[in-house]
PDB file of N, CA and C in Angstrom:
ATOM      1  N   PRO A   1    -125.136  46.166  44.460  1.00  0.00           N
ATOM      2  CA  PRO A   1    -126.867  46.806  44.150  1.00  0.00           C
ATOM      3  C   PRO A   1    -127.493  45.626  43.701  1.00  0.00           C
ATOM      4  N   HIS A   2    -128.606  45.723  44.175  1.00  0.00           N
ATOM      5  CA  HIS A   2    -129.964  44.861  43.091  1.00  0.00           C
ATOM      6  C   HIS A   2    -130.205  45.180  41.687  1.00  0.00           C
ATOM      7  N   SER A   3    -130.669  43.429  41.164  1.00  0.00           N
ATOM      8  CA  SER A   3    -130.633  44.006  39.238  1.00  0.00           C
ATOM      9  C   SER A   3    -131.985  43.403  39.391  1.00  0.00           C
ATOM     10  N   LYS A   4    -132.969  43.297  38.570  1.00  0.00           N
ATOM     11  CA  LYS A   4    -133.748  42.640  37.633  1.00  0.00           C
ATOM     12  C   LYS A   4    -133.264  42.068  36.775  1.00  0.00           C
ATOM     13  N   TYR A   5    -132.262  41.535  36.307  1.00  0.00           N
ATOM     14  CA  TYR A   5    -131.223  41.301  35.570  1.00  0.00           C
ATOM     15  C   TYR A   5    -130.459  39.691  35.781  1.00  0.00           C
ATOM     16  N   LYS A   6    -130.226  38.855  36.057  1.00  0.00           N
ATOM     17  CA  LYS A   6    -129.501  37.469  36.414  1.00  0.00           C
ATOM     18  C   LYS A   6    -128.648  37.359  34.894  1.00  0.00           C
ATOM     19  N   VAL A   7    -127.383  37.610  35.382  1.00  0.00           N
ATOM     20  CA  VAL A   7    -126.398  37.742  34.067  1.00  0.00           C
ATOM     21  C   VAL A   7    -125.760  35.863  34.353  1.00  0.00           C
ATOM     22  N   TYR A   8    -125.536  34.759  33.315  1.00  0.00           N
ATOM     23  CA  TYR A   8    -124.025  33.677  33.690  1.00  0.00           C
ATOM     24  C   TYR A   8    -124.180  34.118  33.374  1.00  0.00           C
ATOM     25  N   ALA A   9    -122.247  33.996  34.148  1.00  0.00           N
ATOM     26  CA  ALA A   9    -121.090  33.950  33.320  1.00  0.00           C
ATOM     27  C   ALA A   9    -120.258  32.306  33.101  1.00  0.00           C
ATOM     28  N   PHE A  10    -120.126  31.815  32.427  1.00  0.00           N
ATOM     29  CA  PHE A  10    -118.967  30.714  31.813  1.00  0.00           C
ATOM     30  C   PHE A  10    -117.540  30.605  31.666  1.00  0.00           C
ATOM     31  N   SER A  11    -116.950  30.593  32.538  1.00  0.00           N
ATOM     32  CA  SER A  11    -115.863  30.628  33.008  1.00  0.00           C
ATOM     33  C   SER A  11    -114.744  32.180  32.605  1.00  0.00           C
ATOM     34  N   PRO A  12    -116.043  32.916  33.177  1.00  0.00           N
ATOM     35  CA  PRO A  12    -115.058  35.260  33.296  1.00  0.00           C
ATOM     36  C   PRO A  12    -114.187  35.060  32.637  1.00  0.00           C
ATOM     37  N   PRO A  13    -113.380  35.873  32.584  1.00  0.00           N
ATOM     38  CA  PRO A  13    -112.343  35.989  33.663  1.00  0.00           C
ATOM     39  C   PRO A  13    -112.454  37.472  34.086  1.00  0.00           C
ATOM     40  N   PRO A  14    -111.211  37.312  35.370  1.00  0.00           N
ATOM     41  CA  PRO A  14    -110.875  37.808  36.807  1.00  0.00           C
ATOM     42  C   PRO A  14    -110.892  39.850  35.510  1.00  0.00           C
ATOM     43  N   CYS A  15    -111.979  40.283  36.217  1.00  0.00           N
ATOM     44  CA  CYS A  15    -111.998  41.372  35.787  1.00  0.00           C
ATOM     45  C   CYS A  15    -112.057  42.692  36.516  1.00  0.00           C
ATOM     46  N   LEU A  16    -113.246  41.664  38.169  1.00  0.00           N
ATOM     47  CA  LEU A  16    -113.149  43.276  38.908  1.00  0.00           C
ATOM     48  C   LEU A  16    -112.459  42.222  40.078  1.00  0.00           C
ATOM     49  N   GLU A  17    -112.962  43.231  40.998  1.00  0.00           N
ATOM     50  CA  GLU A  17    -112.321  43.714  42.511  1.00  0.00           C
ATOM     51  C   GLU A  17    -112.869  41.799  42.864  1.00  0.00           C
ATOM     52  N   PRO A  18    -111.743  41.103  44.066  1.00  0.00           N
ATOM     53  CA  PRO A  18    -113.201  40.286  44.681  1.00  0.00           C
ATOM     54  C   PRO A  18    -113.975  41.069  45.484  1.00  0.00           C
ATOM     55  N   SER A  19    -113.544  41.849  46.269  1.00  0.00           N
ATOM     56  CA  SER A  19    -115.062  42.927  46.921  1.00  0.00           C
ATOM     57  C   SER A  19    -116.022  43.169  46.559  1.00  0.00           C
ATOM     58  N   VAL A  20    -116.281  43.782  44.993  1.00  0.00           N
ATOM     59  CA  VAL A  20    -116.529  44.074  44.105  1.00  0.00           C
ATOM     60  C   VAL A  20    -117.441  43.276  43.874  1.00  0.00           C
ATOM     61  N   ALA A  21    -116.632  41.983  42.963  1.00  0.00           N
ATOM     62  CA  ALA A  21    -117.426  40.777  43.014  1.00  0.00           C
ATOM     63  C   ALA A  21    -117.983  40.699  43.972  1.00  0.00           C
ATOM     64  N   LYS A  22    -118.680  39.938  44.457  1.00  0.00           N
ATOM     65  CA  LYS A  22    -119.035  39.930  45.930  1.00  0.00           C
ATOM     66  C   LYS A  22    -120.325  40.225  45.662  1.00  0.00           C
ATOM     67  N   SER A  23    -119.886  42.018  45.854  1.00  0.00           N
ATOM     68  CA  SER A  23    -121.263  42.659  46.144  1.00  0.00           C
ATOM     69  C   SER A  23    -122.301  42.288  45.043  1.00  0.00           C
ATOM     70  N   LEU A  24    -122.074  42.584  43.868  1.00  0.00           N
ATOM     71  CA  LEU A  24    -122.976  41.900  42.476  1.00  0.00           C
ATOM     72  C   LEU A  24    -123.642  40.571  43.261  1.00  0.00           C
ATOM     73  N   ASP A  25    -124.833  40.564  43.435  1.00  0.00           N
ATOM     74  CA  ASP A  25    -125.886  38.860  43.544  1.00  0.00           C
ATOM     75  C   ASP A  25    -126.700  38.657  41.946  1.00  0.00           C
ATOM     76  N   SER A  26    -126.572  40.030  41.081  1.00  0.00           N
ATOM     77  CA  SER A  26    -126.780  40.036  39.940  1.00  0.00           C
ATOM     78  C   SER A  26    -126.050  38.660  38.706  1.00  0.00           C
ATOM     79  N   VAL A  27    -125.057  38.964  39.433  1.00  0.00           N
ATOM     80  CA  VAL A  27    -123.686  37.729  38.390  1.00  0.00           C
ATOM     81  C   VAL A  27    -123.535  36.123  39.353  1.00  0.00           C
ATOM     82  N   VAL A  28    -124.029  35.123  38.287  1.00  0.00           N
ATOM     83  CA  VAL A  28    -123.328  34.288  38.591  1.00  0.00           C
ATOM     84  C   VAL A  28    -122.104  33.595  37.583  1.00  0.00           C
ATOM     85  N   SER A  29    -121.604  33.385  38.163  1.00  0.00           N
ATOM     86  CA  SER A  29    -119.869  32.802  37.555  1.00  0.00           C
ATOM     87  C   SER A  29    -120.046  31.375  37.426  1.00  0.00           C
ATOM     88  N   ILE A  30    -119.813  30.588  36.469  1.00  0.00           N
ATOM     89  CA  ILE A  30    -120.132  29.108  35.655  1.00  0.00           C
ATOM     90  C   ILE A  30    -118.589  28.662  35.438  1.00  0.00           C
ATOM     91  N   ILE A  31    -118.002  28.349  36.647  1.00  0.00           N
ATOM     92  CA  ILE A  31    -116.679  27.959  36.297  1.00  0.00           C
ATOM     93  C   ILE A  31    -116.139  26.249  35.892  1.00  0.00           C
ATOM     94  N   LEU A  32    -115.844  26.072  34.933  1.00  0.00           N
ATOM     95  CA  LEU A  32    -115.759  24.356  34.586  1.00  0.00           C
ATOM     96  C   LEU A  32    -114.360  23.202  35.476  1.00  0.00           C
ATOM     97  N   GLY A  33    -114.095  22.643  36.296  1.00  0.00           N
ATOM     98  CA  GLY A  33    -112.895  21.986  36.437  1.00  0.00           C
ATOM     99  C   GLY A  33    -111.929  23.088  37.086  1.00  0.00           C
ATOM    100  N   ASN A  34    -111.215  23.327  36.753  1.00  0.00           N
ATOM    101  CA  ASN A  34    -109.069  24.064  36.507  1.00  0.00           C
ATOM    102  C   ASN A  34    -109.597  24.862  35.628  1.00  0.00           C
ATOM    103  N   ASP A  35    -110.035  25.040  35.078  1.00  0.00           N
ATOM    104  CA  ASP A  35    -110.408  26.159  34.117  1.00  0.00           C
ATOM    105  C   ASP A  35    -109.221  27.730  34.057  1.00  0.00           C
ATOM    106  N   ILE A  36    -108.491  27.198  33.561  1.00  0.00           N
ATOM    107  CA  ILE A  36    -107.427  28.630  33.557  1.00  0.00           C
ATOM    108  C   ILE A  36    -107.252  29.545  33.456  1.00  0.00           C
ATOM    109  N   VAL A  37    -108.140  30.911  32.147  1.00  0.00           N
ATOM    110  CA  VAL A  37    -108.648  31.940  32.321  1.00  0.00           C
ATOM    111  C   VAL A  37    -109.348  32.177  33.898  1.00  0.00           C
ATOM    112  N   PRO A  38    -110.644  31.662  34.370  1.00  0.00           N
ATOM    113  CA  PRO A  38    -111.543  32.732  35.569  1.00  0.00           C
ATOM    114  C   PRO A  38    -109.788  32.471  36.774  1.00  0.00           C
ATOM    115  N   ARG A  39    -108.709  31.568  36.292  1.00  0.00           N
ATOM    116  CA  ARG A  39    -108.487  31.448  37.969  1.00  0.00           C
ATOM    117  C   ARG A  39    -107.803  32.220  37.887  1.00  0.00           C
ATOM    118  N   SER A  40    -106.555  32.547  36.470  1.00  0.00           N
ATOM    119  CA  SER A  40    -106.112  33.606  36.327  1.00  0.00           C
ATOM    120  C   SER A  40    -105.866  34.778  36.826  1.00  0.00           C
ATOM    121  N   SER A  41    -104.876  35.491  37.323  1.00  0.00           N
ATOM    122  CA  SER A  41    -105.159  36.400  38.168  1.00  0.00           C
ATOM    123  C   SER A  41    -103.206  37.192  37.988  1.00  0.00           C
ATOM    124  N   TRP A  42    -103.700  38.721  38.777  1.00  0.00           N
ATOM    125  CA  TRP A  42    -101.660  39.130  38.083  1.00  0.00           C
ATOM    126  C   TRP A  42    -100.646  37.978  39.471  1.00  0.00           C
ATOM    127  N   TYR A  43    -101.018  37.970  40.496  1.00  0.00           N
ATOM    128  CA  TYR A  43    -100.782  36.897  41.754  1.00  0.00           C
ATOM    129  C   TYR A  43    -100.488  35.542  40.342  1.00  0.00           C
ATOM    130  N   SER A  44    -101.692  34.936  40.541  1.00  0.00           N
ATOM    131  CA  SER A  44    -100.913  33.453  40.290  1.00  0.00           C
ATOM    132  C   SER A  44    -100.132  33.206  38.727  1.00  0.00           C
ATOM    133  N   LEU A  45    -100.284  34.799  38.215  1.00  0.00           N
ATOM    134  CA  LEU A  45     -99.218  34.015  37.056  1.00  0.00           C
ATOM    135  C   LEU A  45     -97.640  34.510  37.788  1.00  0.00           C
ATOM    136  N   GLU A  46     -98.208  35.660  38.545  1.00  0.00           N
ATOM    137  CA  GLU A  46     -96.460  35.748  39.207  1.00  0.00           C
ATOM    138  C   GLU A  46     -95.969  34.328  39.772  1.00  0.00           C
ATOM    139  N   LYS A  47     -97.200  33.868  40.176  1.00  0.00           N
ATOM    140  CA  LYS A  47     -96.666  32.519  41.249  1.00  0.00           C
ATOM    141  C   LYS A  47     -96.477  32.020  40.107  1.00  0.00           C
ATOM    142  N   LEU A  48     -96.857  31.436  38.950  1.00  0.00           N
ATOM    143  CA  LEU A  48     -96.939  30.038  37.897  1.00  0.00           C
ATOM    144  C   LEU A  48     -94.879  30.886  37.950  1.00  0.00           C
ATOM    145  N   ARG A  49     -94.587  32.537  37.530  1.00  0.00           N
ATOM    146  CA  ARG A  49     -93.286  32.498  37.072  1.00  0.00           C
ATOM    147  C   ARG A  49     -92.288  31.947  38.089  1.00  0.00           C
ATOM    148  N   GLU A  50     -92.555  31.979  39.046  1.00  0.00           N
ATOM    149  CA  GLU A  50     -91.577  32.050  40.210  1.00  0.00           C
ATOM    150  C   GLU A  50     -91.162  30.441  39.905  1.00  0.00           C
ATOM    151  N   GLU A  51     -92.103  29.392  40.420  1.00  0.00           N
ATOM    152  CA  GLU A  51     -92.548  28.220  40.169  1.00  0.00           C
ATOM    153  C   GLU A  51     -91.466  27.874  38.698  1.00  0.00           C
ATOM    154  N   ILE A  52     -91.805  28.297  38.143  1.00  0.00           N
ATOM    155  CA  ILE A  52     -91.096  28.304  36.547  1.00  0.00           C
ATOM    156  C   ILE A  52     -89.439  27.995  36.701  1.00  0.00           C
ATOM    157  N   ALA A  53     -89.531  29.262  37.400  1.00  0.00           N
ATOM    158  CA  ALA A  53     -87.672  30.337  37.718  1.00  0.00           C
ATOM    159  C   ALA A  53     -87.098  28.917  38.702  1.00  0.00           C
ATOM    160  N   GLN A  54     -87.672  28.980  39.977  1.00  0.00           N
ATOM    161  CA  GLN A  54     -87.761  27.799  40.518  1.00  0.00           C
ATOM    162  C   GLN A  54     -87.149  26.258  39.841  1.00  0.00           C
ATOM    163  N   PHE A  55     -87.952  25.959  39.200  1.00  0.00           N
ATOM    164  CA  PHE A  55     -87.926  24.418  38.740  1.00  0.00           C
ATOM    165  C   PHE A  55     -86.601  24.944  37.412  1.00  0.00           C
ATOM    166  N   GLN A  56     -86.550  26.061  36.753  1.00  0.00           N
ATOM    167  CA  GLN A  56     -85.164  26.076  35.669  1.00  0.00           C
ATOM    168  C   GLN A  56     -83.982  26.395  36.665  1.00  0.00           C
ATOM    169  N   ALA A  57     -83.863  26.995  37.108  1.00  0.00           N
ATOM    170  CA  ALA A  57     -82.990  26.541  38.138  1.00  0.00           C
ATOM    171  C   ALA A  57     -82.763  25.241  38.791  1.00  0.00           C
ATOM    172  N   LYS A  58     -83.476  24.758  39.416  1.00  0.00           N
ATOM    173  CA  LYS A  58     -82.616  23.284  39.808  1.00  0.00           C
ATOM    174  C   LYS A  58     -82.388  22.463  38.719  1.00  0.00           C
ATOM    175  N   ARG A  59     -83.525  22.289  37.669  1.00  0.00           N
ATOM    176  CA  ARG A  59     -82.771  21.283  37.135  1.00  0.00           C
ATOM    177  C   ARG A  59     -81.275  21.873  36.025  1.00  0.00           C
ATOM    178  N   GLU A  60     -80.860  23.173  35.858  1.00  0.00           N
ATOM    179  CA  GLU A  60     -79.087  23.278  35.832  1.00  0.00           C
ATOM    180  C   GLU A  60     -79.006  23.027  36.534  1.00  0.00           C
ATOM    181  N   GLN A  61     -78.953  23.067  37.972  1.00  0.00           N
ATOM    182  CA  GLN A  61     -78.209  22.418  39.271  1.00  0.00           C
ATOM    183  C   GLN A  61     -78.486  20.967  38.593  1.00  0.00           C
ATOM    184  N   GLU A  62     -78.718  20.040  38.454  1.00  0.00           N
ATOM    185  CA  GLU A  62     -79.222  18.845  38.087  1.00  0.00           C
ATOM    186  C   GLU A  62     -77.881  18.110  36.655  1.00  0.00           C
ATOM    187  N   ILE A  63     -78.159  19.321  35.627  1.00  0.00           N
ATOM    188  CA  ILE A  63     -77.640  18.936  33.903  1.00  0.00           C
ATOM    189  C   ILE A  63     -76.192  19.457  34.821  1.00  0.00           C
ATOM    190  N   ALA A  64     -75.453  20.349  35.178  1.00  0.00           N
ATOM    191  CA  ALA A  64     -74.452  21.039  35.819  1.00  0.00           C
ATOM    192  C   ALA A  64     -73.731  19.685  36.791  1.00  0.00           C
ATOM    193  N   ALA A  65     -74.765  18.692  37.744  1.00  0.00           N
ATOM    194  CA  ALA A  65     -73.816  17.883  38.269  1.00  0.00           C
ATOM    195  C   ALA A  65     -73.329  16.255  37.340  1.00  0.00           C
ATOM    196  N   LEU A  66     -74.798  16.807  36.944  1.00  0.00           N
ATOM    197  CA  LEU A  66     -75.163  14.990  35.525  1.00  0.00           C
ATOM    198  C   LEU A  66     -73.673  15.252  34.424  1.00  0.00           C
ATOM    199  N   TRP A  67     -73.320  16.462  33.948  1.00  0.00           N
ATOM    200  CA  TRP A  67     -73.038  17.258  33.705  1.00  0.00           C
ATOM    201  C   TRP A  67     -71.154  16.734  34.746  1.00  0.00           C
ATOM    202  N   GLU A  68     -70.805  17.362  35.521  1.00  0.00           N
ATOM    203  CA  GLU A  68     -69.240  17.103  36.007  1.00  0.00           C
ATOM    204  C   GLU A  68     -69.727  15.803  36.987  1.00  0.00           C
ATOM    205  N   GLU A  69     -69.939  15.234  37.050  1.00  0.00           N
ATOM    206  CA  GLU A  69     -69.988  13.264  36.685  1.00  0.00           C
ATOM    207  C   GLU A  69     -69.287  12.755  35.869  1.00  0.00           C
ATOM    208  N   ARG A  70     -70.180  13.102  34.576  1.00  0.00           N
ATOM    209  CA  ARG A  70     -69.596  12.255  33.478  1.00  0.00           C
ATOM    210  C   ARG A  70     -68.396  12.388  32.712  1.00  0.00           C
ATOM    211  N   THR A  71     -67.861  14.287  33.128  1.00  0.00           N
ATOM    212  CA  THR A  71     -66.618  13.828  32.406  1.00  0.00           C
ATOM    213  C   THR A  71     -65.775  13.784  33.355  1.00  0.00           C
ATOM    214  N   LYS A  72     -65.748  14.169  34.471  1.00  0.00           N
ATOM    215  CA  LYS A  72     -65.181  13.318  35.442  1.00  0.00           C
ATOM    216  C   LYS A  72     -64.838  11.926  35.086  1.00  0.00           C
ATOM    217  N   SER A  73     -65.838  11.282  34.789  1.00  0.00           N
ATOM    218  CA  SER A  73     -66.148   9.374  34.424  1.00  0.00           C
ATOM    219  C   SER A  73     -64.257   9.229  33.074  1.00  0.00           C
ATOM    220  N   PHE A  74     -65.415  10.228  32.189  1.00  0.00           N
ATOM    221  CA  PHE A  74     -64.239  10.448  30.975  1.00  0.00           C
ATOM    222  C   PHE A  74     -63.507  10.793  30.839  1.00  0.00           C
ATOM    223  N   ARG A  75     -62.547  12.216  32.063  1.00  0.00           N
ATOM    224  CA  ARG A  75     -61.806  11.507  32.326  1.00  0.00           C
ATOM    225  C   ARG A  75     -60.664  10.519  32.378  1.00  0.00           C
ATOM    226  N   HIS A  76     -60.685  10.296  33.547  1.00  0.00           N
ATOM    227  CA  HIS A  76     -60.511   8.257  34.532  1.00  0.00           C
ATOM    228  C   HIS A  76     -59.948   7.667  33.414  1.00  0.00           C
ATOM    229  N   SER A  77     -61.339   7.687  32.444  1.00  0.00           N
ATOM    230  CA  SER A  77     -61.836   6.691  31.572  1.00  0.00           C
ATOM    231  C   SER A  77     -60.376   6.914  30.368  1.00  0.00           C
ATOM    232  N   MET A  78     -60.061   7.696  30.570  1.00  0.00           N
ATOM    233  CA  MET A  78     -59.005   8.941  29.496  1.00  0.00           C
ATOM    234  C   MET A  78     -57.567   8.168  29.444  1.00  0.00           C
ATOM    235  N   ASN A  79     -57.197   8.833  31.254  1.00  0.00           N
ATOM    236  CA  ASN A  79     -56.515   8.813  31.582  1.00  0.00           C
ATOM    237  C   ASN A  79     -55.672   7.502  32.013  1.00  0.00           C
ATOM    238  N   LYS A  80     -56.599   5.972  32.639  1.00  0.00           N
ATOM    239  CA  LYS A  80     -56.393   4.801  31.690  1.00  0.00           C
ATOM    240  C   LYS A  80     -56.124   4.907  30.979  1.00  0.00           C
ATOM    241  N   PHE A  81     -57.022   4.818  29.811  1.00  0.00           N
ATOM    242  CA  PHE A  81     -56.361   4.610  28.262  1.00  0.00           C
ATOM    243  C   PHE A  81     -55.413   4.701  28.040  1.00  0.00           C
ATOM    244  N   PHE A  82     -54.500   6.246  28.713  1.00  0.00           N
ATOM    245  CA  PHE A  82     -52.990   6.982  28.088  1.00  0.00           C
ATOM    246  C   PHE A  82     -52.235   6.256  28.697  1.00  0.00           C
ATOM    247  N   ALA A  83     -52.555   5.616  29.763  1.00  0.00           N
ATOM    248  CA  ALA A  83     -51.282   5.252  31.063  1.00  0.00           C
ATOM    249  C   ALA A  83     -51.029   4.290  29.714  1.00  0.00           C
ATOM    250  N   THR A  84     -52.173   2.650  29.501  1.00  0.00           N
ATOM    251  CA  THR A  84     -51.984   1.922  29.177  1.00  0.00           C
ATOM    252  C   THR A  84     -51.290   2.374  27.956  1.00  0.00           C
ATOM    253  N   ILE A  85     -51.097   3.160  27.531  1.00  0.00           N
ATOM    254  CA  ILE A  85     -50.424   2.238  25.115  1.00  0.00           C
ATOM    255  C   ILE A  85     -49.809   3.692  25.410  1.00  0.00           C
ATOM    256  N   SER A  86     -48.897   4.171  27.416  1.00  0.00           N
ATOM    257  CA  SER A  86     -47.813   4.777  26.608  1.00  0.00           C
ATOM    258  C   SER A  86     -47.530   5.441  28.417  1.00  0.00           C
ATOM    259  N   PRO A  87     -46.235   5.152  28.745  1.00  0.00           N
ATOM    260  CA  PRO A  87     -45.917   5.987  29.899  1.00  0.00           C
ATOM    261  C   PRO A  87     -46.282   7.302  30.066  1.00  0.00           C
ATOM    262  N   SER A  88     -46.328   7.749  32.229  1.00  0.00           N
ATOM    263  CA  SER A  88     -47.454   9.121  32.008  1.00  0.00           C
ATOM    264  C   SER A  88     -46.548   9.737  32.301  1.00  0.00           C
ATOM    265  N   GLU A  89     -44.753   9.283  32.166  1.00  0.00           N
ATOM    266  CA  GLU A  89     -44.074  10.553  32.725  1.00  0.00           C
ATOM    267  C   GLU A  89     -42.814   9.949  31.972  1.00  0.00           C
ATOM    268  N   PRO A  90     -42.236  10.665  31.366  1.00  0.00           N
ATOM    269  CA  PRO A  90     -40.030  10.175  30.849  1.00  0.00           C
ATOM    270  C   PRO A  90     -39.946   9.633  31.971  1.00  0.00           C
ATOM    271  N   PRO A  91     -38.755   8.502  31.438  1.00  0.00           N
ATOM    272  CA  PRO A  91     -38.194   8.115  32.634  1.00  0.00           C
ATOM    273  C   PRO A  91     -37.300   9.447  32.892  1.00  0.00           C
ATOM    274  N   SER A  92     -36.456   9.263  34.238  1.00  0.00           N
ATOM    275  CA  SER A  92     -35.723  10.224  34.853  1.00  0.00           C
ATOM    276  C   SER A  92     -34.259   9.741  34.167  1.00  0.00           C
ATOM    277  N   ALA A  93     -33.787  10.550  35.236  1.00  0.00           N
ATOM    278  CA  ALA A  93     -32.418  10.573  34.338  1.00  0.00           C
ATOM    279  C   ALA A  93     -31.662   8.907  34.930  1.00  0.00           C
ATOM    280  N   ALA A  94     -31.942   8.785  36.498  1.00  0.00           N
ATOM    281  CA  ALA A  94     -31.399   7.689  37.155  1.00  0.00           C
ATOM    282  C   ALA A  94     -31.625   7.005  36.488  1.00  0.00           C
ATOM    283  N   GLU A  95     -33.535   7.009  36.578  1.00  0.00           N
ATOM    284  CA  GLU A  95     -33.695   5.345  35.278  1.00  0.00           C
ATOM    285  C   GLU A  95     -33.405   4.983  34.165  1.00  0.00           C
ATOM    286  N   GLU A  96     -32.894   6.079  32.902  1.00  0.00           N
ATOM    287  CA  GLU A  96     -31.844   6.221  32.358  1.00  0.00           C
ATOM    288  C   GLU A  96     -30.859   5.423  32.541  1.00  0.00           C
ATOM    289  N   ALA A  97     -30.348   5.576  33.809  1.00  0.00           N
ATOM    290  CA  ALA A  97     -28.839   5.634  34.273  1.00  0.00           C
ATOM    291  C   ALA A  97     -28.738   3.590  34.051  1.00  0.00           C
ATOM    292  N   VAL A  98     -29.934   3.612  35.355  1.00  0.00           N
ATOM    293  CA  VAL A  98     -29.862   2.263  35.920  1.00  0.00           C
ATOM    294  C   VAL A  98     -29.944   1.137  34.048  1.00  0.00           C
ATOM    295  N   ALA A  99     -30.577   1.656  33.085  1.00  0.00           N
ATOM    296  CA  ALA A  99     -30.795   0.845  32.515  1.00  0.00           C
ATOM    297  C   ALA A  99     -29.974   0.729  31.445  1.00  0.00           C
ATOM    298  N   THR A 100     -28.993   1.498  31.765  1.00  0.00           N
ATOM    299  CA  THR A 100     -27.998   1.808  30.990  1.00  0.00           C
ATOM    300  C   THR A 100     -27.296   0.891  31.499  1.00  0.00           C
ATOM    301  N   THR A 101     -26.872   1.041  32.212  1.00  0.00           N
ATOM    302  CA  THR A 101     -26.363   0.102  33.226  1.00  0.00           C
ATOM    303  C   THR A 101     -26.071  -1.584  33.361  1.00  0.00           C
ATOM    304  N   THR A 102     -27.459  -1.855  33.246  1.00  0.00           N
ATOM    305  CA  THR A 102     -28.229  -2.640  32.704  1.00  0.00           C
ATOM    306  C   THR A 102     -27.543  -3.965  31.614  1.00  0.00           C
ATOM    307  N   LYS A 103     -28.470  -3.217  30.807  1.00  0.00           N
ATOM    308  CA  LYS A 103     -27.909  -3.560  29.499  1.00  0.00           C
ATOM    309  C   LYS A 103     -26.030  -3.159  29.603  1.00  0.00           C
ATOM    310  N   SER A 104     -25.621  -2.676  29.945  1.00  0.00           N
ATOM    311  CA  SER A 104     -23.796  -2.878  29.579  1.00  0.00           C
ATOM    312  C   SER A 104     -23.000  -4.329  30.418  1.00  0.00           C
ATOM    313  N   GLU A 105     -24.130  -3.991  31.027  1.00  0.00           N
ATOM    314  CA  GLU A 105     -23.569  -5.481  32.047  1.00  0.00           C
ATOM    315  C   GLU A 105     -24.196  -6.671  31.189  1.00  0.00           C
ATOM    316  N   THR A 106     -25.477  -7.149  30.801  1.00  0.00           N
ATOM    317  CA  THR A 106     -26.260  -7.816  30.183  1.00  0.00           C
ATOM    318  C   THR A 106     -25.232  -8.356  29.059  1.00  0.00           C
ATOM    319  N   ILE A 107     -24.970  -6.908  28.011  1.00  0.00           N
ATOM    320  CA  ILE A 107     -23.539  -7.313  27.029  1.00  0.00           C
ATOM    321  C   ILE A 107     -22.405  -8.629  27.731  1.00  0.00           C
ATOM    322  N   LYS A 108     -21.808  -7.363  29.063  1.00  0.00           N
ATOM    323  CA  LYS A 108     -20.356  -7.960  28.818  1.00  0.00           C
ATOM    324  C   LYS A 108     -20.572  -9.790  29.376  1.00  0.00           C
ATOM    325  N   SER A 109     -21.695  -9.847  30.431  1.00  0.00           N
ATOM    326  CA  SER A 109     -21.864 -11.346  30.494  1.00  0.00           C
ATOM    327  C   SER A 109     -22.119 -11.560  29.387  1.00  0.00           C
ATOM    328  N   GLU A 110     -22.738 -11.898  28.105  1.00  0.00           N
ATOM    329  CA  GLU A 110     -22.725 -12.246  27.241  1.00  0.00           C
ATOM    330  C   GLU A 110     -21.828 -12.076  25.866  1.00  0.00           C
ATOM    331  N   THR A 111     -21.411 -11.261  26.443  1.00  0.00           N
ATOM    332  CA  THR A 111     -19.021 -11.238  25.941  1.00  0.00           C
ATOM    333  C   THR A 111     -18.929 -12.770  25.870  1.00  0.00           C
ATOM    334  N   LEU A 112     -18.841 -12.432  27.630  1.00  0.00           N
ATOM    335  CA  LEU A 112     -18.267 -12.935  28.678  1.00  0.00           C
ATOM    336  C   LEU A 112     -18.574 -15.001  28.220  1.00  0.00           C
ATOM    337  N   ASP A 113     -19.735 -14.500  27.741  1.00  0.00           N
ATOM    338  CA  ASP A 113     -19.558 -16.396  27.591  1.00  0.00           C
ATOM    339  C   ASP A 113     -19.436 -16.669  26.622  1.00  0.00           C
ATOM    340  N   ALA A 114     -19.358 -15.754  25.982  1.00  0.00           N
ATOM    341  CA  ALA A 114     -19.765 -16.623  24.099  1.00  0.00           C
ATOM    342  C   ALA A 114     -17.772 -17.199  24.116  1.00  0.00           C
TER     343      ALA A 114
END
């Protein structure tokens, strides 16, 4: 429809269907740069939501991988540390028998030397 009035809208929100907006020759929309208001729509907001969800999922995966790497490194360091201050396993019966036999032989040889 043609009108005798001309409307100049600065950064108007999208409130008309694109086909209706194009048919109005009396309305001129002026959009400054990448202004979010005139560019927002259900589709653009849904797209933004999806992009945020993808970013968040990727970030959570990166954090989980980093956490796994750091805890693995920490566990390795702790195992190494405790291995230096205490034996990793108690001595077996065979190891104790060898140690006792060796100790007895050492005592006998010292007695004979005296």
